[in-house]
Amino acid sequence: MYAELAKYYDKLYSFKDYAGEAKKLRDIIHSHLGDERARLLDVACGTGRHLAFLRQWFDVEGLDLSQEMLQVARAANPGILFHQADMADFALGQHFDVVTCLFSSIGYLKTITQMRQALACMVSHLRPGGLLLIEPWFSPDAWKVGSVHGLFIDEPELKIARINTSLARGRVSCFDLHYLIGTPAGTQHLVERHELGLFSVEEMRSALDGLELEFYNDEEGLCGRGLYVCTKAD
């Protein structure tokens, strides 16, 4: 999915307040674990933008499936260890104080079974008493089918227009991101298809209950989508 577009990802999401979100995460983690320099794994880390700020307070590592996104992450964040693996099925052979899965990446596990498998995998990498932080995707009721979206980048030697319409197929949200990308070398049209599972609050709670986690849902979260704050039993 990101093979052609990874190099533009950070420009496309330059509006996102990674620094502010990292401070919110720091405050949540410190409120649960104290001010110790915890070990943190960011699952589905993308280009590592959250980790670029979280490394101030924690010993961080990242994990993502996309080789292209990890290439960007490693170049931008020397000294951070990044793992290439599927978030639903990874085994690092170690435990962390904190595991995060942010920017609604959990939605890419399109079925409840896959979502549960991914959560179990993350919990298996937590030490007893550790913290799991999950930023959910939209619930079925919150997904607005037929809404139209646009995003534009206007730099001297780079113009990008991204347009999409939000659709759904059953319990899966679907949208094709159409890009027109202009550079001095020419203009190209690329299409990036995204499909994310629409899990209800009840389904997320049931999955977390099944892992014997103590948790609550911060309904505002980092950017308005909520945040499940989960503690693994000692």
C-alpha atoms as a PDB file:
ATOM      1  CA  MET A   1       0.000   0.000   0.000  1.00  0.00           C
ATOM      2  CA  TYR A   2       2.710   2.487   0.966  1.00  0.00           C
ATOM      3  CA  ALA A   3       5.392   1.481  -1.525  1.00  0.00           C
ATOM      4  CA  GLU A   4       4.918   4.560  -3.744  1.00  0.00           C
ATOM      5  CA  LEU A   5       3.685   6.990  -1.121  1.00  0.00           C
ATOM      6  CA  ALA A   6       5.804   6.408   2.005  1.00  0.00           C
ATOM      7  CA  LYS A   7       8.150   9.241   1.060  1.00  0.00           C
ATOM      8  CA  TYR A   8       5.211  11.680   1.129  1.00  0.00           C
ATOM      9  CA  TYR A   9       3.531  10.346   4.263  1.00  0.00           C
ATOM     10  CA  ASP A  10       4.943  12.871   6.738  1.00  0.00           C
ATOM     11  CA  LYS A  11       4.073  15.776   4.449  1.00  0.00           C
ATOM     12  CA  LEU A  12       0.506  14.519   4.087  1.00  0.00           C
ATOM     13  CA  TYR A  13       0.114  14.304   7.863  1.00  0.00           C
ATOM     14  CA  SER A  14       2.083  17.417   8.764  1.00  0.00           C
ATOM     15  CA  PHE A  15      -1.123  18.785  10.322  1.00  0.00           C
ATOM     16  CA  LYS A  16      -1.029  16.099  13.025  1.00  0.00           C
ATOM     17  CA  ASP A  17       0.261  17.254  16.411  1.00  0.00           C
ATOM     18  CA  TYR A  18       2.651  14.382  17.136  1.00  0.00           C
ATOM     19  CA  ALA A  19       4.489  16.402  19.803  1.00  0.00           C
ATOM     20  CA  GLY A  20       1.284  17.209  21.674  1.00  0.00           C
ATOM     21  CA  GLU A  21       0.031  13.634  21.405  1.00  0.00           C
ATOM     22  CA  ALA A  22       3.352  12.306  22.707  1.00  0.00           C
ATOM     23  CA  LYS A  23       3.060  14.573  25.771  1.00  0.00           C
ATOM     24  CA  LYS A  24      -0.450  13.247  26.442  1.00  0.00           C
ATOM     25  CA  LEU A  25       0.898   9.703  26.209  1.00  0.00           C
ATOM     26  CA  ARG A  26       3.746  10.584  28.557  1.00  0.00           C
ATOM     27  CA  ASP A  27       1.324  11.949  31.135  1.00  0.00           C
ATOM     28  CA  ILE A  28      -0.914   8.870  30.932  1.00  0.00           C
ATOM     29  CA  ILE A  29       2.033   6.487  31.230  1.00  0.00           C
ATOM     30  CA  HIS A  30       3.614   8.374  34.125  1.00  0.00           C
ATOM     31  CA  SER A  31       0.269   8.508  35.955  1.00  0.00           C
ATOM     32  CA  HIS A  32       0.073   4.691  35.825  1.00  0.00           C
ATOM     33  CA  LEU A  33       3.710   3.601  36.013  1.00  0.00           C
ATOM     34  CA  GLY A  34       5.486   6.508  37.662  1.00  0.00           C
ATOM     35  CA  ASP A  35       8.342   8.552  36.235  1.00  0.00           C
ATOM     36  CA  GLU A  36      10.675   5.627  35.581  1.00  0.00           C
ATOM     37  CA  ARG A  37      12.190   5.399  32.094  1.00  0.00           C
ATOM     38  CA  ALA A  38       9.864   2.690  30.811  1.00  0.00           C
ATOM     39  CA  ARG A  39      10.483   0.456  27.786  1.00  0.00           C
ATOM     40  CA  LEU A  40       7.901   1.189  25.090  1.00  0.00           C
ATOM     41  CA  LEU A  41       6.980  -0.635  21.878  1.00  0.00           C
ATOM     42  CA  ASP A  42       4.907   1.234  19.283  1.00  0.00           C
ATOM     43  CA  VAL A  43       3.026  -1.276  17.112  1.00  0.00           C
ATOM     44  CA  ALA A  44       2.148  -0.139  13.566  1.00  0.00           C
ATOM     45  CA  CYS A  45       4.557   2.747  14.091  1.00  0.00           C
ATOM     46  CA  GLY A  46       4.603   3.925  10.467  1.00  0.00           C
ATOM     47  CA  THR A  47       7.340   6.499   9.936  1.00  0.00           C
ATOM     48  CA  GLY A  48       8.047   6.707  13.661  1.00  0.00           C
ATOM     49  CA  ARG A  49       6.777  10.224  14.264  1.00  0.00           C
ATOM     50  CA  HIS A  50       5.370   9.497  17.729  1.00  0.00           C
ATOM     51  CA  LEU A  51       8.592   7.729  18.690  1.00  0.00           C
ATOM     52  CA  ALA A  52      10.652  10.760  17.648  1.00  0.00           C
ATOM     53  CA  PHE A  53       9.106  12.571  20.631  1.00  0.00           C
ATOM     54  CA  LEU A  54       8.493   9.665  23.013  1.00  0.00           C
ATOM     55  CA  ARG A  55      12.206   8.813  23.005  1.00  0.00           C
ATOM     56  CA  GLN A  56      12.757  11.863  25.260  1.00  0.00           C
ATOM     57  CA  TRP A  57      11.123  10.024  28.171  1.00  0.00           C
ATOM     58  CA  PHE A  58      11.162   6.318  27.290  1.00  0.00           C
ATOM     59  CA  ASP A  59      13.372   3.628  25.772  1.00  0.00           C
ATOM     60  CA  VAL A  60      11.440   3.076  22.564  1.00  0.00           C
ATOM     61  CA  GLU A  61      11.204   0.558  19.733  1.00  0.00           C
ATOM     62  CA  GLY A  62       8.865   0.408  16.755  1.00  0.00           C
ATOM     63  CA  LEU A  63       7.184  -2.300  14.712  1.00  0.00           C
ATOM     64  CA  ASP A  64       5.501  -2.094  11.313  1.00  0.00           C
ATOM     65  CA  LEU A  65       4.730  -4.352   8.362  1.00  0.00           C
ATOM     66  CA  SER A  66       5.688  -1.873   5.640  1.00  0.00           C
ATOM     67  CA  GLN A  67       9.320  -1.995   4.597  1.00  0.00           C
ATOM     68  CA  GLU A  68       8.988   1.396   2.899  1.00  0.00           C
ATOM     69  CA  MET A  69       7.570   3.095   5.980  1.00  0.00           C
ATOM     70  CA  LEU A  70      10.311   1.578   8.124  1.00  0.00           C
ATOM     71  CA  GLN A  71      12.970   2.879   5.747  1.00  0.00           C
ATOM     72  CA  VAL A  72      11.661   6.396   6.370  1.00  0.00           C
ATOM     73  CA  ALA A  73      11.430   5.753  10.128  1.00  0.00           C
ATOM     74  CA  ARG A  74      14.998   4.462  10.401  1.00  0.00           C
ATOM     75  CA  ALA A  75      16.423   7.361   8.396  1.00  0.00           C
ATOM     76  CA  ALA A  76      14.593   9.911  10.542  1.00  0.00           C
ATOM     77  CA  ASN A  77      15.247   8.220  13.898  1.00  0.00           C
ATOM     78  CA  PRO A  78      18.805   6.905  14.161  1.00  0.00           C
ATOM     79  CA  GLY A  79      19.391   4.864  17.273  1.00  0.00           C
ATOM     80  CA  ILE A  80      15.836   3.519  17.522  1.00  0.00           C
ATOM     81  CA  LEU A  81      15.341  -0.193  16.843  1.00  0.00           C
ATOM     82  CA  PHE A  82      12.570  -0.958  14.349  1.00  0.00           C
ATOM     83  CA  HIS A  83      11.109  -4.408  13.674  1.00  0.00           C
ATOM     84  CA  GLN A  84       9.371  -5.484  10.468  1.00  0.00           C
ATOM     85  CA  ALA A  85       6.452  -7.730  11.404  1.00  0.00           C
ATOM     86  CA  ASP A  86       2.682  -8.183  11.215  1.00  0.00           C
ATOM     87  CA  MET A  87       0.959  -6.587  14.221  1.00  0.00           C
ATOM     88  CA  ALA A  88      -1.395  -9.576  14.463  1.00  0.00           C
ATOM     89  CA  ASP A  89       1.390 -12.139  14.640  1.00  0.00           C
ATOM     90  CA  PHE A  90       4.779 -11.025  15.955  1.00  0.00           C
ATOM     91  CA  ALA A  91       7.140 -12.560  18.474  1.00  0.00           C
ATOM     92  CA  LEU A  92      10.039 -10.420  19.688  1.00  0.00           C
ATOM     93  CA  GLY A  93      10.987 -12.655  22.611  1.00  0.00           C
ATOM     94  CA  GLN A  94      10.921  -9.795  25.123  1.00  0.00           C
ATOM     95  CA  HIS A  95       8.545  -7.814  27.313  1.00  0.00           C
ATOM     96  CA  PHE A  96       7.844  -4.090  27.514  1.00  0.00           C
ATOM     97  CA  ASP A  97       6.421  -1.779  30.150  1.00  0.00           C
ATOM     98  CA  VAL A  98       4.198  -0.115  27.553  1.00  0.00           C
ATOM     99  CA  VAL A  99       2.789  -1.210  24.188  1.00  0.00           C
ATOM    100  CA  THR A 100       1.002   1.347  22.022  1.00  0.00           C
ATOM    101  CA  CYS A 101      -1.038   1.006  18.826  1.00  0.00           C
ATOM    102  CA  LEU A 102      -1.947   4.498  17.642  1.00  0.00           C
ATOM    103  CA  PHE A 103      -3.610   6.484  14.838  1.00  0.00           C
ATOM    104  CA  SER A 104      -6.398   3.869  14.577  1.00  0.00           C
ATOM    105  CA  SER A 105      -4.074   1.233  13.129  1.00  0.00           C
ATOM    106  CA  ILE A 106      -6.041  -1.474  14.961  1.00  0.00           C
ATOM    107  CA  GLY A 107      -8.754  -1.017  12.318  1.00  0.00           C
ATOM    108  CA  TYR A 108      -6.571  -2.671   9.673  1.00  0.00           C
ATOM    109  CA  LEU A 109      -7.386  -5.956  11.403  1.00  0.00           C
ATOM    110  CA  LYS A 110     -10.664  -6.133   9.503  1.00  0.00           C
ATOM    111  CA  THR A 111     -12.408  -8.856  11.485  1.00  0.00           C
ATOM    112  CA  ILE A 112     -13.104  -9.280  15.184  1.00  0.00           C
ATOM    113  CA  THR A 113     -11.058 -12.486  15.156  1.00  0.00           C
ATOM    114  CA  GLN A 114      -8.014 -10.698  13.703  1.00  0.00           C
ATOM    115  CA  MET A 115      -8.456  -7.774  16.086  1.00  0.00           C
ATOM    116  CA  ARG A 116      -8.573 -10.116  19.078  1.00  0.00           C
ATOM    117  CA  GLN A 117      -5.479 -11.952  17.815  1.00  0.00           C
ATOM    118  CA  ALA A 118      -3.557  -8.688  17.496  1.00  0.00           C
ATOM    119  CA  LEU A 119      -4.542  -7.519  20.983  1.00  0.00           C
ATOM    120  CA  ALA A 120      -3.517 -10.873  22.462  1.00  0.00           C
ATOM    121  CA  CYS A 121      -0.172 -10.632  20.695  1.00  0.00           C
ATOM    122  CA  MET A 122       0.439  -7.156  22.093  1.00  0.00           C
ATOM    123  CA  VAL A 123      -0.549  -8.206  25.616  1.00  0.00           C
ATOM    124  CA  SER A 124       1.832 -11.174  25.406  1.00  0.00           C
ATOM    125  CA  HIS A 125       4.675  -8.649  24.989  1.00  0.00           C
ATOM    126  CA  LEU A 126       3.705  -6.728  28.146  1.00  0.00           C
ATOM    127  CA  ARG A 127       5.262  -7.345  31.534  1.00  0.00           C
ATOM    128  CA  PRO A 128       2.826  -7.930  34.424  1.00  0.00           C
ATOM    129  CA  GLY A 129       1.404  -4.573  35.426  1.00  0.00           C
ATOM    130  CA  GLY A 130       2.318  -3.105  32.038  1.00  0.00           C
ATOM    131  CA  LEU A 131       0.221  -0.668  30.042  1.00  0.00           C
ATOM    132  CA  LEU A 132      -1.494  -1.199  26.668  1.00  0.00           C
ATOM    133  CA  LEU A 133      -2.713   1.932  24.845  1.00  0.00           C
ATOM    134  CA  ILE A 134      -5.012   1.425  21.850  1.00  0.00           C
ATOM    135  CA  GLU A 135      -6.358   4.263  19.700  1.00  0.00           C
ATOM    136  CA  PRO A 136      -9.480   2.858  18.002  1.00  0.00           C
ATOM    137  CA  TRP A 137     -10.898   3.404  14.530  1.00  0.00           C
ATOM    138  CA  PHE A 138     -14.464   4.577  14.049  1.00  0.00           C
ATOM    139  CA  SER A 139     -17.397   2.538  15.319  1.00  0.00           C
ATOM    140  CA  PRO A 140     -20.140   1.571  12.802  1.00  0.00           C
ATOM    141  CA  ASP A 141     -22.395   4.373  14.059  1.00  0.00           C
ATOM    142  CA  ALA A 142     -19.687   7.024  13.772  1.00  0.00           C
ATOM    143  CA  TRP A 143     -18.569   6.163  10.202  1.00  0.00           C
ATOM    144  CA  LYS A 144     -20.191   8.623   7.762  1.00  0.00           C
ATOM    145  CA  VAL A 145     -20.823   6.820   4.472  1.00  0.00           C
ATOM    146  CA  GLY A 146     -20.823   9.205   1.518  1.00  0.00           C
ATOM    147  CA  SER A 147     -18.720  11.924   3.125  1.00  0.00           C
ATOM    148  CA  VAL A 148     -16.136  13.451   0.774  1.00  0.00           C
ATOM    149  CA  HIS A 149     -12.666  14.523   1.854  1.00  0.00           C
ATOM    150  CA  GLY A 150      -9.781  16.473   0.371  1.00  0.00           C
ATOM    151  CA  LEU A 151      -6.210  17.234   1.410  1.00  0.00           C
ATOM    152  CA  PHE A 152      -3.741  19.451  -0.441  1.00  0.00           C
ATOM    153  CA  ILE A 153       0.006  20.055  -0.300  1.00  0.00           C
ATOM    154  CA  ASP A 154       1.297  23.197  -2.002  1.00  0.00           C
ATOM    155  CA  GLU A 155       5.086  23.565  -2.059  1.00  0.00           C
ATOM    156  CA  PRO A 156       7.260  25.112  -4.791  1.00  0.00           C
ATOM    157  CA  GLU A 157       8.347  21.749  -6.222  1.00  0.00           C
ATOM    158  CA  LEU A 158       5.647  19.476  -4.845  1.00  0.00           C
ATOM    159  CA  LYS A 159       1.890  19.641  -5.351  1.00  0.00           C
ATOM    160  CA  ILE A 160      -0.387  16.904  -4.007  1.00  0.00           C
ATOM    161  CA  ALA A 161      -4.160  16.696  -4.172  1.00  0.00           C
ATOM    162  CA  ARG A 162      -5.752  13.788  -2.294  1.00  0.00           C
ATOM    163  CA  ILE A 163      -9.474  13.128  -2.682  1.00  0.00           C
ATOM    164  CA  ASN A 164     -11.625  10.307  -1.338  1.00  0.00           C
ATOM    165  CA  THR A 165     -15.197   9.323  -0.518  1.00  0.00           C
ATOM    166  CA  SER A 166     -16.009   7.300   2.591  1.00  0.00           C
ATOM    167  CA  LEU A 167     -17.831   4.039   1.771  1.00  0.00           C
ATOM    168  CA  ALA A 168     -18.594   0.789   3.588  1.00  0.00           C
ATOM    169  CA  ARG A 169     -18.967  -2.873   2.788  1.00  0.00           C
ATOM    170  CA  GLY A 170     -20.782  -4.554   5.629  1.00  0.00           C
ATOM    171  CA  ARG A 171     -18.753  -3.924   8.782  1.00  0.00           C
ATOM    172  CA  VAL A 172     -15.680  -2.735   6.873  1.00  0.00           C
ATOM    173  CA  SER A 173     -15.007   0.913   6.032  1.00  0.00           C
ATOM    174  CA  CYS A 174     -13.615   1.355   2.525  1.00  0.00           C
ATOM    175  CA  PHE A 175     -12.031   4.338   0.833  1.00  0.00           C
ATOM    176  CA  ASP A 176      -9.767   4.811  -2.164  1.00  0.00           C
ATOM    177  CA  LEU A 177      -7.362   7.711  -1.719  1.00  0.00           C
ATOM    178  CA  HIS A 178      -6.794   9.238  -5.161  1.00  0.00           C
ATOM    179  CA  TYR A 179      -3.566  11.208  -5.416  1.00  0.00           C
ATOM    180  CA  LEU A 180      -2.449  13.659  -8.067  1.00  0.00           C
ATOM    181  CA  ILE A 181       1.244  14.266  -7.393  1.00  0.00           C
ATOM    182  CA  GLY A 182       3.156  16.914  -9.285  1.00  0.00           C
ATOM    183  CA  THR A 183       6.960  17.215  -9.159  1.00  0.00           C
ATOM    184  CA  PRO A 184       9.524  18.706 -11.560  1.00  0.00           C
ATOM    185  CA  ALA A 185       9.786  15.225 -13.095  1.00  0.00           C
ATOM    186  CA  GLY A 186       6.106  15.148 -14.018  1.00  0.00           C
ATOM    187  CA  THR A 187       2.629  14.464 -12.659  1.00  0.00           C
ATOM    188  CA  GLN A 188       1.266  11.061 -11.690  1.00  0.00           C
ATOM    189  CA  HIS A 189      -2.002   9.613 -10.454  1.00  0.00           C
ATOM    190  CA  LEU A 190      -1.894   6.972  -7.721  1.00  0.00           C
ATOM    191  CA  VAL A 191      -4.683   5.177  -5.881  1.00  0.00           C
ATOM    192  CA  GLU A 192      -4.265   3.792  -2.369  1.00  0.00           C
ATOM    193  CA  ARG A 193      -7.043   1.491  -1.106  1.00  0.00           C
ATOM    194  CA  HIS A 194      -7.807   1.345   2.619  1.00  0.00           C
ATOM    195  CA  GLU A 195     -10.128  -1.110   4.345  1.00  0.00           C
ATOM    196  CA  LEU A 196     -10.592  -0.948   8.129  1.00  0.00           C
ATOM    197  CA  GLY A 197     -12.894  -2.920  10.393  1.00  0.00           C
ATOM    198  CA  LEU A 198     -15.697  -1.003  12.083  1.00  0.00           C
ATOM    199  CA  PHE A 199     -15.686  -2.323  15.653  1.00  0.00           C
ATOM    200  CA  SER A 200     -18.303  -1.189  18.126  1.00  0.00           C
ATOM    201  CA  VAL A 201     -17.401  -0.020  21.629  1.00  0.00           C
ATOM    202  CA  GLU A 202     -19.007  -3.202  22.950  1.00  0.00           C
ATOM    203  CA  GLU A 203     -16.848  -5.383  20.672  1.00  0.00           C
ATOM    204  CA  MET A 204     -13.666  -3.608  21.742  1.00  0.00           C
ATOM    205  CA  ARG A 205     -14.619  -3.924  25.400  1.00  0.00           C
ATOM    206  CA  SER A 206     -15.415  -7.615  24.974  1.00  0.00           C
ATOM    207  CA  ALA A 207     -12.027  -8.240  23.346  1.00  0.00           C
ATOM    208  CA  LEU A 208     -10.194  -6.454  26.163  1.00  0.00           C
ATOM    209  CA  ASP A 209     -12.294  -8.202  28.829  1.00  0.00           C
ATOM    210  CA  GLY A 210     -11.286 -11.526  27.293  1.00  0.00           C
ATOM    211  CA  LEU A 211      -7.636 -10.693  27.925  1.00  0.00           C
ATOM    212  CA  GLU A 212      -8.303 -10.000  31.613  1.00  0.00           C
ATOM    213  CA  LEU A 213      -7.206  -6.387  31.368  1.00  0.00           C
ATOM    214  CA  GLU A 214      -8.300  -3.570  33.601  1.00  0.00           C
ATOM    215  CA  PHE A 215      -9.184  -0.723  31.239  1.00  0.00           C
ATOM    216  CA  TYR A 216     -11.118   2.441  30.591  1.00  0.00           C
ATOM    217  CA  ASN A 217     -11.889   4.392  27.436  1.00  0.00           C
ATOM    218  CA  ASP A 218     -10.740   8.002  27.364  1.00  0.00           C
ATOM    219  CA  GLU A 219     -13.411   9.175  24.912  1.00  0.00           C
ATOM    220  CA  GLU A 220     -11.414  12.179  23.669  1.00  0.00           C
ATOM    221  CA  GLY A 221      -8.065  10.401  23.480  1.00  0.00           C
ATOM    222  CA  LEU A 222      -5.229  11.923  21.488  1.00  0.00           C
ATOM    223  CA  CYS A 223      -7.162  13.375  18.562  1.00  0.00           C
ATOM    224  CA  GLY A 224     -10.853  12.830  19.232  1.00  0.00           C
ATOM    225  CA  ARG A 225     -11.089   9.126  18.417  1.00  0.00           C
ATOM    226  CA  GLY A 226     -10.751   7.829  21.961  1.00  0.00           C
ATOM    227  CA  LEU A 227      -8.009   5.869  23.689  1.00  0.00           C
ATOM    228  CA  TYR A 228      -8.284   2.547  25.526  1.00  0.00           C
ATOM    229  CA  VAL A 229      -5.959   2.606  28.527  1.00  0.00           C
ATOM    230  CA  CYS A 230      -5.401  -0.983  29.656  1.00  0.00           C
ATOM    231  CA  THR A 231      -3.386  -2.490  32.491  1.00  0.00           C
ATOM    232  CA  LYS A 232      -2.181  -6.090  32.455  1.00  0.00           C
ATOM    233  CA  ALA A 233      -2.771  -8.018  35.658  1.00  0.00           C
ATOM    234  CA  ASP A 234       0.231  -8.494  37.954  1.00  0.00           C
END
